[in-house]
Amino acid sequence: MLKTISAPMNRLPRLGYRWLKLNEYNISEPLQVPLKPYTHAYLPQLDHEVKINRAGSSVSRLKLLSEIPYGASSELVGLVEDHFNAGIELLAPAGVAVSEPVVIPYHLDGENDVLLDLNVVAAERGASVTVVMEYSSDEGSSTIHNGVTKILAEEGAEVHLVKIQRLNDQGAHFDSLYVEASPYSTVRFSQVELGGKFSITNYLSRVADNAATLTKSMYLGDGERVLDLSYHMIHTGFRSTSDLLVKGALKDKSRKVFRGTLDFKRGARLSEGNEEEYALLLDPDVSSSAIPLLLSEEDDIMGGHAASAGKVDANQLFYLMSRGLSQEEATVSLVKAACWPVLAELPRQVRSQIEGELEARLTDQCTT
């Protein structure tokens, strides 16, 4: 059985000038998704109190929470919710603080070339947990990943979700994330986008009284890769906080669109939101677009947004080359330095791996 993906994705909540062609992402041609099992093992063996099961094994406590539209498109979200072939339901019980990250390795290859994962992460009152989801694929396999992740952080809970996407250059990657941050909770999201023929990601958070959602994201576009990144932070509560920092670099003929929306609803008095996106343009044929958007129904709020794109600083490049580095080595160092605020958020066991792949792609040594 096949399902077709064709609908517009990452549509802005408030449309801008149509002639810019940046209100949404339209896939170049319909994508046929075969519905088939995913057979790789991905559930970790845990030795602490966190409970984890396969998706669909229980009634999700987030089933009724995400009543508002979310995700890259309703078509993509519906495909996962109706036909998921993998995923987790993770519960961190009240008061439990887990020091080691829970790692979920999703791998695609010639046999398992379609992944439709539905993930639910719930942290009860006062709990703390870190979850790392890795998406990788074998060289040469044409793969499709379409995922949905829902997070519920109850009062006073802390959740850190890390998503690392390293698909090969033939992979299609769609990812939708919905976050419900209850009063006095904190949800951190660290995102790494390094692979895929095209990568379409969507993040939406609802931030209640005195809650915080903190997002740091990095990307690298090489070859003819297409990245379309959307973030929507909805402030519903008093003194709520959101912060978004996106760093990345583009080389060859890659294209990137960033859409960031700070959305202050009535009742979000004294809330604060900030969004920043910075792109390094390493080649003349890349394309970088940014649409930072600020919406507010309240007067007493603070909202800031910034976006910039430019070449590597010539003075910094000269300084590093004068210390013995080649131009290529100096460029790699500057890109790593630019992305360090995101790399520093990653667990140690995955950080060095990401730095290595980043360097390989920048120096055209990556084989995927």
Protein backbone atom coordinates (compact mmCIF):
# COMPACT_ATOMS: atom_id res chain seq x y z
CA MET A 1 0.00 0.00 0.00
CA LEU A 2 1.24 3.48 -0.88
CA LYS A 3 0.48 6.88 0.60
CA THR A 4 1.24 10.09 -1.28
CA ILE A 5 2.83 13.19 0.27
CA SER A 6 2.07 16.31 -1.73
CA ALA A 7 0.45 19.01 0.46
CA PRO A 8 2.24 22.30 1.31
CA MET A 9 4.39 22.16 4.46
CA ASN A 10 5.57 24.57 7.18
CA ARG A 11 2.93 27.16 6.35
CA LEU A 12 3.40 30.43 8.22
CA PRO A 13 0.68 31.21 10.82
CA ARG A 14 0.39 34.69 9.26
CA LEU A 15 1.06 34.89 5.55
CA GLY A 16 3.43 37.43 4.04
CA TYR A 17 3.97 38.63 0.48
CA ARG A 18 3.09 35.80 -1.89
CA TRP A 19 5.61 36.90 -4.51
CA LEU A 20 8.43 35.98 -2.14
CA LYS A 21 7.25 32.34 -2.27
CA LEU A 22 8.23 31.80 1.36
CA ASN A 23 4.84 31.37 3.04
CA GLU A 24 5.18 27.58 2.85
CA TYR A 25 7.30 24.80 1.41
CA ASN A 26 6.01 22.94 -1.62
CA ILE A 27 7.62 19.64 -2.49
CA SER A 28 8.80 19.56 -6.12
CA GLU A 29 6.83 16.41 -6.94
CA PRO A 30 4.54 14.05 -4.97
CA LEU A 31 6.40 11.50 -2.85
CA GLN A 32 5.12 7.93 -2.69
CA VAL A 33 5.48 6.35 0.77
CA PRO A 34 5.08 2.57 0.98
CA LEU A 35 3.46 1.37 4.21
CA LYS A 36 5.69 -1.42 5.51
CA PRO A 37 7.11 -2.67 8.81
CA TYR A 38 10.24 -1.36 10.47
CA THR A 39 12.14 -4.26 12.00
CA HIS A 40 15.33 -2.79 13.53
CA ALA A 41 15.61 -2.87 17.33
CA TYR A 42 15.59 0.59 18.91
CA LEU A 43 14.25 0.22 22.47
CA PRO A 44 17.07 0.60 25.02
CA GLN A 45 17.51 -1.52 28.14
CA LEU A 46 17.06 0.81 31.11
CA ASP A 47 18.28 0.24 34.66
CA HIS A 48 16.39 3.14 36.25
CA GLU A 49 12.80 4.07 36.99
CA VAL A 50 11.93 5.53 33.59
CA LYS A 51 9.30 3.43 31.84
CA ILE A 52 9.56 2.92 28.08
CA ASN A 53 7.41 0.93 25.66
CA ARG A 54 6.74 0.72 21.96
CA ALA A 55 4.35 3.29 20.52
CA GLY A 56 0.71 2.22 20.75
CA SER A 57 1.15 0.03 23.81
CA SER A 58 -0.91 2.38 26.00
CA VAL A 59 -3.27 5.34 25.70
CA SER A 60 -1.10 8.42 25.20
CA ARG A 61 -1.65 11.17 27.76
CA LEU A 62 -0.87 13.63 24.97
CA LYS A 63 -3.66 12.34 22.74
CA LEU A 64 -6.08 15.02 23.93
CA LEU A 65 -3.53 17.79 24.46
CA SER A 66 -2.52 18.41 20.87
CA GLU A 67 -5.93 19.58 19.76
CA ILE A 68 -4.44 22.57 17.94
CA PRO A 69 -2.94 22.06 14.47
CA TYR A 70 0.75 21.20 14.65
CA GLY A 71 3.46 19.63 12.56
CA ALA A 72 4.92 20.23 9.13
CA SER A 73 1.47 19.49 7.66
CA SER A 74 -1.72 17.70 8.70
CA GLU A 75 -1.01 15.21 5.93
CA LEU A 76 2.38 14.26 7.37
CA VAL A 77 1.12 14.11 10.97
CA GLY A 78 -1.93 12.06 9.98
CA LEU A 79 0.24 9.59 8.07
CA VAL A 80 2.29 8.89 11.20
CA GLU A 81 -0.61 8.80 13.66
CA ASP A 82 -2.57 6.38 11.46
CA HIS A 83 0.24 4.19 10.11
CA PHE A 84 3.26 4.44 12.44
CA ASN A 85 5.66 1.48 12.25
CA ALA A 86 7.94 2.47 15.16
CA GLY A 87 8.14 4.84 18.10
CA ILE A 88 8.27 5.03 21.88
CA GLU A 89 6.11 5.94 24.85
CA LEU A 90 8.39 7.11 27.65
CA LEU A 91 7.29 8.09 31.15
CA ALA A 92 9.53 9.67 33.78
CA PRO A 93 7.66 9.20 37.10
CA ALA A 94 7.16 12.06 39.52
CA GLY A 95 10.31 13.19 41.30
CA VAL A 96 12.67 10.92 39.33
CA ALA A 97 15.85 12.57 38.01
CA VAL A 98 17.69 10.51 35.38
CA SER A 99 21.36 11.45 34.95
CA GLU A 100 22.15 9.36 31.85
CA PRO A 101 20.39 10.11 28.54
CA VAL A 102 17.93 7.62 27.08
CA VAL A 103 19.20 6.92 23.54
CA ILE A 104 16.83 5.82 20.75
CA PRO A 105 18.78 4.76 17.61
CA TYR A 106 16.64 4.77 14.47
CA HIS A 107 18.57 3.39 11.48
CA LEU A 108 17.38 3.02 7.88
CA ASP A 109 18.80 0.77 5.17
CA GLY A 110 17.75 -1.09 2.02
CA GLU A 111 15.40 -3.41 3.91
CA ASN A 112 14.10 -0.87 6.42
CA ASP A 113 13.84 2.12 4.10
CA VAL A 114 10.66 3.68 5.54
CA LEU A 115 10.42 4.94 9.12
CA LEU A 116 7.16 6.39 10.45
CA ASP A 117 7.87 6.95 14.14
CA LEU A 118 5.38 8.21 16.72
CA ASN A 119 7.11 9.21 19.96
CA VAL A 120 5.59 10.37 23.25
CA VAL A 121 7.75 11.64 26.11
CA ALA A 122 6.01 12.51 29.38
CA ALA A 123 7.68 13.78 32.55
CA GLU A 124 5.51 13.87 35.64
CA ARG A 125 5.68 16.51 38.34
CA GLY A 126 9.30 17.29 39.29
CA ALA A 127 10.86 14.64 37.03
CA SER A 128 13.96 15.19 34.90
CA VAL A 129 15.00 13.23 31.80
CA THR A 130 17.14 13.56 28.66
CA VAL A 131 16.17 11.69 25.48
CA VAL A 132 18.45 11.39 22.44
CA MET A 133 16.91 10.32 19.11
CA GLU A 134 19.37 9.50 16.32
CA TYR A 135 18.36 9.10 12.68
CA SER A 136 20.94 7.53 10.36
CA SER A 137 21.01 5.48 7.17
CA ASP A 138 23.31 3.29 5.11
CA GLU A 139 25.19 4.73 2.17
CA GLY A 140 23.32 4.55 -1.12
CA SER A 141 19.90 3.61 0.32
CA SER A 142 16.95 5.73 -0.78
CA THR A 143 15.03 6.23 2.46
CA ILE A 144 12.02 8.10 3.85
CA HIS A 145 11.65 9.26 7.43
CA ASN A 146 8.47 10.92 8.68
CA GLY A 147 8.31 11.35 12.44
CA VAL A 148 6.06 12.88 15.08
CA THR A 149 7.23 13.54 18.65
CA LYS A 150 5.05 14.85 21.47
CA ILE A 151 6.40 16.08 24.79
CA LEU A 152 4.50 16.75 27.99
CA ALA A 153 6.39 18.32 30.88
CA GLU A 154 4.16 18.47 33.94
CA GLU A 155 4.56 21.07 36.69
CA GLY A 156 8.20 21.55 37.68
CA ALA A 157 9.49 18.87 35.30
CA GLU A 158 12.57 19.17 33.07
CA VAL A 159 12.85 17.49 29.68
CA HIS A 160 15.80 17.71 27.28
CA LEU A 161 15.17 16.26 23.83
CA VAL A 162 18.10 15.87 21.42
CA LYS A 163 17.40 15.03 17.77
CA ILE A 164 20.29 14.18 15.45
CA GLN A 165 19.57 13.67 11.76
CA ARG A 166 22.39 12.11 9.70
CA LEU A 167 20.58 10.48 6.77
CA ASN A 168 22.45 9.96 3.51
CA ASP A 169 22.13 12.26 0.53
CA GLN A 170 19.21 10.27 -0.93
CA GLY A 171 17.08 10.45 2.21
CA ALA A 172 13.83 12.37 2.68
CA HIS A 173 13.39 13.68 6.21
CA PHE A 174 10.16 15.09 7.69
CA ASP A 175 9.94 15.74 11.42
CA SER A 176 7.18 17.30 13.55
CA LEU A 177 7.57 18.14 17.24
CA TYR A 178 4.82 19.27 19.63
CA VAL A 179 5.69 20.49 23.16
CA GLU A 180 3.34 21.14 26.08
CA ALA A 181 5.22 22.96 28.85
CA SER A 182 3.14 23.06 32.04
CA PRO A 183 3.60 25.75 34.73
CA TYR A 184 7.14 26.00 36.12
CA SER A 185 8.45 23.32 33.75
CA THR A 186 11.42 23.57 31.36
CA VAL A 187 11.73 21.86 27.98
CA ARG A 188 15.03 22.06 26.10
CA PHE A 189 15.33 20.97 22.49
CA SER A 190 18.69 20.47 20.78
CA GLN A 191 18.52 19.84 17.03
CA VAL A 192 21.24 18.76 14.59
CA GLU A 193 20.41 18.61 10.86
CA LEU A 194 23.29 17.27 8.76
CA GLY A 195 21.82 14.95 6.13
CA GLY A 196 19.03 14.12 3.72
CA LYS A 197 18.24 15.21 0.21
CA PHE A 198 15.73 17.51 1.83
CA SER A 199 15.00 18.10 5.50
CA ILE A 200 11.62 19.57 6.50
CA THR A 201 11.24 20.09 10.25
CA ASN A 202 8.54 21.74 12.35
CA TYR A 203 8.59 22.66 16.04
CA LEU A 204 5.60 23.99 17.99
CA SER A 205 5.51 24.67 21.73
CA ARG A 206 2.82 25.91 24.11
CA VAL A 207 4.35 27.64 27.12
CA ALA A 208 2.26 28.00 30.30
CA ASP A 209 2.70 30.20 33.41
CA ASN A 210 6.37 30.53 34.45
CA ALA A 211 7.38 27.76 32.06
CA ALA A 212 10.28 27.88 29.59
CA THR A 213 11.07 26.30 26.23
CA LEU A 214 14.71 26.66 25.17
CA THR A 215 15.74 25.58 21.67
CA LYS A 216 19.17 25.42 20.07
CA SER A 217 19.56 24.14 16.53
CA MET A 218 22.40 23.70 14.04
CA TYR A 219 22.47 22.68 10.40
CA LEU A 220 24.80 22.18 7.48
CA GLY A 221 23.65 22.36 3.88
CA ASP A 222 25.93 20.84 1.25
CA GLY A 223 25.47 19.57 -2.30
CA GLU A 224 21.94 20.48 -3.42
CA ARG A 225 20.38 19.81 -0.03
CA VAL A 226 17.16 21.64 0.88
CA LEU A 227 16.48 22.62 4.50
CA ASP A 228 13.15 24.09 5.59
CA LEU A 229 13.06 24.81 9.33
CA SER A 230 9.97 26.10 11.14
CA TYR A 231 9.61 27.07 14.81
CA HIS A 232 6.46 28.39 16.49
CA MET A 233 6.53 29.33 20.18
CA ILE A 234 3.04 30.00 21.60
CA HIS A 235 3.03 31.83 24.93
CA THR A 236 -0.22 31.12 26.76
CA GLY A 237 0.83 31.82 30.35
CA PHE A 238 2.00 34.59 32.67
CA ARG A 239 5.80 35.12 32.80
CA SER A 240 6.46 32.39 30.27
CA THR A 241 9.80 32.25 28.46
CA SER A 242 11.01 30.98 25.10
CA ASP A 243 14.43 31.24 23.51
CA LEU A 244 15.46 30.04 20.06
CA LEU A 245 18.99 30.05 18.64
CA VAL A 246 19.70 28.58 15.19
CA LYS A 247 23.22 28.39 13.73
CA GLY A 248 24.28 26.90 10.43
CA ALA A 249 26.38 26.95 7.29
CA LEU A 250 25.58 26.50 3.60
CA LYS A 251 27.95 25.36 0.85
CA ASP A 252 27.80 24.21 -2.79
CA LYS A 253 24.23 24.80 -4.06
CA SER A 254 22.26 24.12 -0.90
CA ARG A 255 19.13 26.06 0.09
CA LYS A 256 17.71 26.93 3.48
CA VAL A 257 14.54 28.64 4.72
CA PHE A 258 14.10 29.56 8.39
CA ARG A 259 10.65 30.44 9.75
CA GLY A 260 10.46 31.54 13.38
CA THR A 261 7.30 32.80 15.09
CA LEU A 262 6.93 34.26 18.58
CA ASP A 263 3.22 34.19 19.41
CA PHE A 264 2.04 35.90 22.61
CA LYS A 265 -1.58 35.07 23.42
CA ARG A 266 -3.83 37.08 25.73
CA GLY A 267 -2.89 36.20 29.28
CA ALA A 268 0.85 35.97 28.54
CA ARG A 269 1.60 39.19 30.39
CA LEU A 270 5.25 39.75 31.43
CA SER A 271 6.39 36.95 29.13
CA GLU A 272 9.62 37.08 27.17
CA GLY A 273 10.60 35.47 23.89
CA ASN A 274 13.66 35.70 21.70
CA GLU A 275 14.64 34.14 18.38
CA GLU A 276 17.93 34.38 16.47
CA GLU A 277 19.19 32.71 13.30
CA TYR A 278 22.68 33.08 11.84
CA ALA A 279 23.87 31.52 8.58
CA LEU A 280 27.40 31.30 7.19
CA LEU A 281 27.43 31.35 3.38
CA LEU A 282 30.47 29.40 2.19
CA ASP A 283 29.80 29.46 -1.57
CA PRO A 284 28.24 32.01 -3.96
CA ASP A 285 25.47 29.70 -5.24
CA VAL A 286 23.78 28.95 -1.91
CA SER A 287 20.38 30.40 -0.95
CA SER A 288 19.43 31.52 2.56
CA SER A 289 16.04 32.98 3.54
CA ALA A 290 14.78 33.89 6.99
CA ILE A 291 11.30 34.97 8.12
CA PRO A 292 11.27 35.97 11.81
CA LEU A 293 7.68 36.76 12.87
CA LEU A 294 6.31 38.38 16.02
CA LEU A 295 2.61 38.15 16.96
CA SER A 296 1.12 39.56 20.15
CA GLU A 297 -2.28 39.95 21.79
CA GLU A 298 -0.68 41.40 24.96
CA ASP A 299 0.99 44.76 25.59
CA ASP A 300 3.28 43.96 28.50
CA ILE A 301 5.65 41.45 26.87
CA MET A 302 9.20 41.41 25.52
CA GLY A 303 9.86 39.89 22.12
CA GLY A 304 13.08 40.03 20.14
CA HIS A 305 14.13 38.55 16.83
CA ALA A 306 17.20 38.71 14.64
CA ALA A 307 18.45 36.98 11.51
CA SER A 308 21.66 37.41 9.55
CA ALA A 309 23.55 35.71 6.74
CA GLY A 310 27.04 36.42 5.50
CA LYS A 311 30.40 35.08 4.43
CA VAL A 312 33.11 33.86 6.78
CA ASP A 313 34.88 36.84 8.34
CA ALA A 314 37.97 37.52 6.22
CA ASN A 315 39.99 38.85 9.17
CA GLN A 316 39.30 35.74 11.26
CA LEU A 317 40.17 33.53 8.29
CA PHE A 318 43.43 35.40 7.73
CA TYR A 319 44.34 35.19 11.42
CA LEU A 320 43.90 31.41 11.54
CA MET A 321 45.79 30.92 8.26
CA SER A 322 48.63 33.07 9.57
CA ARG A 323 48.91 30.55 12.43
CA GLY A 324 49.55 27.69 10.02
CA LEU A 325 46.07 26.42 9.11
CA SER A 326 45.04 25.91 5.50
CA GLN A 327 42.02 27.84 4.24
CA GLU A 328 39.94 24.66 4.47
CA GLU A 329 41.06 23.95 8.04
CA ALA A 330 40.45 27.56 9.05
CA THR A 331 36.94 27.47 7.57
CA VAL A 332 36.12 24.25 9.45
CA SER A 333 37.32 25.83 12.70
CA LEU A 334 35.16 28.92 12.18
CA VAL A 335 32.05 26.88 11.37
CA LYS A 336 32.59 24.72 14.46
CA ALA A 337 33.04 27.85 16.56
CA ALA A 338 29.82 29.34 15.18
CA CYS A 339 27.93 26.13 16.02
CA TRP A 340 29.51 25.66 19.43
CA PRO A 341 26.52 27.02 21.42
CA VAL A 342 24.53 24.08 20.01
CA LEU A 343 27.32 21.49 20.18
CA ALA A 344 27.87 22.33 23.85
CA GLU A 345 24.29 21.27 24.61
CA LEU A 346 24.81 17.74 23.25
CA PRO A 347 25.67 14.79 25.50
CA ARG A 348 29.40 14.05 25.39
CA GLN A 349 28.97 10.64 23.80
CA VAL A 350 27.47 12.11 20.62
CA ARG A 351 29.24 15.49 20.43
CA SER A 352 32.54 14.21 19.04
CA GLN A 353 30.71 12.13 16.44
CA ILE A 354 28.79 15.19 15.23
CA GLU A 355 31.95 17.31 15.10
CA GLY A 356 33.62 14.60 13.00
CA GLU A 357 30.77 14.40 10.51
CA LEU A 358 30.53 18.18 10.32
CA GLU A 359 34.23 18.34 9.41
CA ALA A 360 33.88 15.52 6.87
CA ARG A 361 31.01 17.25 5.09
CA LEU A 362 32.79 20.59 5.06
CA THR A 363 35.87 19.00 3.51
CA ASP A 364 33.92 16.79 1.06
CA GLN A 365 35.11 13.60 2.76
CA CYS A 366 31.68 12.35 3.78
CA THR A 367 30.67 9.15 1.96
CA THR A 368 26.92 9.29 2.54
